Structures are given as C-alpha cells and as structure tokens.
Amino acid sequence: MVVGRIKAEVRPLRLIECRVVEQSLNVFLQDDWHVRVFDGSGAVRNSTDIHVGDSLLCTLDRPGRHVGIPVTETIAEF
C-alpha cells in the first residue's frame, strides 16, 4: 500500500539566481529571518537581508534538497 500526502502552504519566497563560473544556478528560499545562508566572506545572513549584487557561498550539487538533505521523492513545483 502506498500512502502519500500533499501539503499546500502560502509562504513568501525569494528566488535567488546567480552564476558560478559558466553555470547558472537558482534556488527558492523562504523569505523569513530564520532562513540563513553564508555570504561571500562566510558570515551568516538571514534570507531577508539578501540584496541584488550580494555575494553568497554555494555548492554545486544535484537538485532536490530540503533543509540540506537530498530528497528522492518526486518534486512538483508550480
């Protein structure tokens, strides 16, 4: 037996788009103070404090992660 669920939530999101060498990257982050990333100098930044032109640290990996953990389920974003 297969059991599944669908959870629909309305949350403000930020689309972060950037280039690393010759590769384009993008990620959706929840626009909330408790969602954090590292800036180019390694300091912690809240997603609410990210602005156009800021430098952020990233790692190249396969798509499909939730809170940093790989997700093997089907992901449908719309």
C-alpha atoms as a PDB file:
ATOM      1  CA  MET A   1       0.000   0.000   0.000  1.00  0.00           C
ATOM      2  CA  VAL A   2       1.297   3.474  -0.901  1.00  0.00           C
ATOM      3  CA  VAL A   3       0.460   6.389   1.358  1.00  0.00           C
ATOM      4  CA  GLY A   4       1.160   9.990   0.430  1.00  0.00           C
ATOM      5  CA  ARG A   5       0.142  13.499   1.229  1.00  0.00           C
ATOM      6  CA  ILE A   6       0.007  16.902  -0.334  1.00  0.00           C
ATOM      7  CA  LYS A   7       0.708  19.923   1.796  1.00  0.00           C
ATOM      8  CA  ALA A   8      -0.045  23.318   0.306  1.00  0.00           C
ATOM      9  CA  GLU A   9       1.189  26.383   2.150  1.00  0.00           C
ATOM     10  CA  VAL A  10       1.279  30.034   1.230  1.00  0.00           C
ATOM     11  CA  ARG A  11       4.645  31.494   2.194  1.00  0.00           C
ATOM     12  CA  PRO A  12       6.664  34.405   0.845  1.00  0.00           C
ATOM     13  CA  LEU A  13       9.610  33.143  -1.191  1.00  0.00           C
ATOM     14  CA  ARG A  14      12.715  34.700  -2.723  1.00  0.00           C
ATOM     15  CA  LEU A  15      14.183  33.489  -5.982  1.00  0.00           C
ATOM     16  CA  ILE A  16      17.973  33.678  -5.776  1.00  0.00           C
ATOM     17  CA  GLU A  17      19.640  33.494  -9.197  1.00  0.00           C
ATOM     18  CA  CYS A  18      23.393  33.551  -9.713  1.00  0.00           C
ATOM     19  CA  ARG A  19      26.292  32.403 -11.850  1.00  0.00           C
ATOM     20  CA  VAL A  20      29.180  30.202 -10.745  1.00  0.00           C
ATOM     21  CA  VAL A  21      31.927  30.242 -13.367  1.00  0.00           C
ATOM     22  CA  GLU A  22      29.855  29.479 -16.501  1.00  0.00           C
ATOM     23  CA  GLN A  23      26.906  27.757 -14.784  1.00  0.00           C
ATOM     24  CA  SER A  24      23.619  29.440 -13.847  1.00  0.00           C
ATOM     25  CA  LEU A  25      22.045  28.454 -10.533  1.00  0.00           C
ATOM     26  CA  ASN A  26      18.792  29.266  -8.800  1.00  0.00           C
ATOM     27  CA  VAL A  27      17.136  28.432  -5.512  1.00  0.00           C
ATOM     28  CA  PHE A  28      13.895  29.385  -3.819  1.00  0.00           C
ATOM     29  CA  LEU A  29      14.335  30.434  -0.197  1.00  0.00           C
ATOM     30  CA  GLN A  30      11.587  31.204   2.247  1.00  0.00           C
ATOM     31  CA  ASP A  31      11.641  34.960   2.839  1.00  0.00           C
ATOM     32  CA  ASP A  32      11.922  34.766   6.621  1.00  0.00           C
ATOM     33  CA  TRP A  33      14.565  35.845   9.129  1.00  0.00           C
ATOM     34  CA  HIS A  34      15.185  32.289  10.382  1.00  0.00           C
ATOM     35  CA  VAL A  35      16.257  31.009   6.912  1.00  0.00           C
ATOM     36  CA  ARG A  36      20.004  31.655   6.716  1.00  0.00           C
ATOM     37  CA  VAL A  37      22.812  31.398   4.179  1.00  0.00           C
ATOM     38  CA  PHE A  38      26.510  32.269   4.166  1.00  0.00           C
ATOM     39  CA  ASP A  39      27.700  35.372   2.387  1.00  0.00           C
ATOM     40  CA  GLY A  40      30.892  35.581   0.334  1.00  0.00           C
ATOM     41  CA  SER A  41      33.008  36.180   3.445  1.00  0.00           C
ATOM     42  CA  GLY A  42      31.464  33.242   5.337  1.00  0.00           C
ATOM     43  CA  ALA A  43      29.252  35.338   7.621  1.00  0.00           C
ATOM     44  CA  VAL A  44      25.704  34.164   8.334  1.00  0.00           C
ATOM     45  CA  ARG A  45      22.970  36.185   6.584  1.00  0.00           C
ATOM     46  CA  ASN A  46      19.200  36.000   7.004  1.00  0.00           C
ATOM     47  CA  SER A  47      17.318  35.483   3.739  1.00  0.00           C
ATOM     48  CA  THR A  48      15.507  38.758   4.443  1.00  0.00           C
ATOM     49  CA  ASP A  49      18.872  40.582   4.260  1.00  0.00           C
ATOM     50  CA  ILE A  50      19.927  39.349   0.790  1.00  0.00           C
ATOM     51  CA  HIS A  51      20.004  42.027  -1.910  1.00  0.00           C
ATOM     52  CA  VAL A  52      20.752  42.175  -5.622  1.00  0.00           C
ATOM     53  CA  GLY A  53      24.515  42.100  -6.176  1.00  0.00           C
ATOM     54  CA  ASP A  54      25.364  40.378  -2.867  1.00  0.00           C
ATOM     55  CA  SER A  55      27.941  37.587  -2.920  1.00  0.00           C
ATOM     56  CA  LEU A  56      26.832  34.260  -1.385  1.00  0.00           C
ATOM     57  CA  LEU A  57      28.575  30.926  -0.860  1.00  0.00           C
ATOM     58  CA  CYS A  58      27.166  27.906  -2.671  1.00  0.00           C
ATOM     59  CA  THR A  59      27.962  24.338  -3.558  1.00  0.00           C
ATOM     60  CA  LEU A  60      27.184  22.591  -6.818  1.00  0.00           C
ATOM     61  CA  ASP A  61      25.059  19.500  -6.281  1.00  0.00           C
ATOM     62  CA  ARG A  62      22.148  17.642  -7.822  1.00  0.00           C
ATOM     63  CA  PRO A  63      18.721  19.318  -7.464  1.00  0.00           C
ATOM     64  CA  GLY A  64      16.218  18.078  -4.897  1.00  0.00           C
ATOM     65  CA  ARG A  65      17.089  19.045  -1.337  1.00  0.00           C
ATOM     66  CA  HIS A  66      15.035  20.015   1.686  1.00  0.00           C
ATOM     67  CA  VAL A  67      16.856  21.661   4.595  1.00  0.00           C
ATOM     68  CA  GLY A  68      20.111  20.426   3.041  1.00  0.00           C
ATOM     69  CA  ILE A  69      19.124  16.755   2.885  1.00  0.00           C
ATOM     70  CA  PRO A  70      18.769  15.054  -0.524  1.00  0.00           C
ATOM     71  CA  VAL A  71      15.145  14.265  -1.417  1.00  0.00           C
ATOM     72  CA  THR A  72      14.445  11.238  -3.605  1.00  0.00           C
ATOM     73  CA  GLU A  73      10.692  11.739  -3.888  1.00  0.00           C
ATOM     74  CA  THR A  74       9.038  13.367  -6.864  1.00  0.00           C
ATOM     75  CA  ILE A  75       9.110  17.135  -6.595  1.00  0.00           C
ATOM     76  CA  ALA A  76       6.489  19.217  -8.386  1.00  0.00           C
ATOM     77  CA  GLU A  77       6.872  22.977  -8.046  1.00  0.00           C
ATOM     78  CA  PHE A  78       4.339  25.306  -9.580  1.00  0.00           C
END
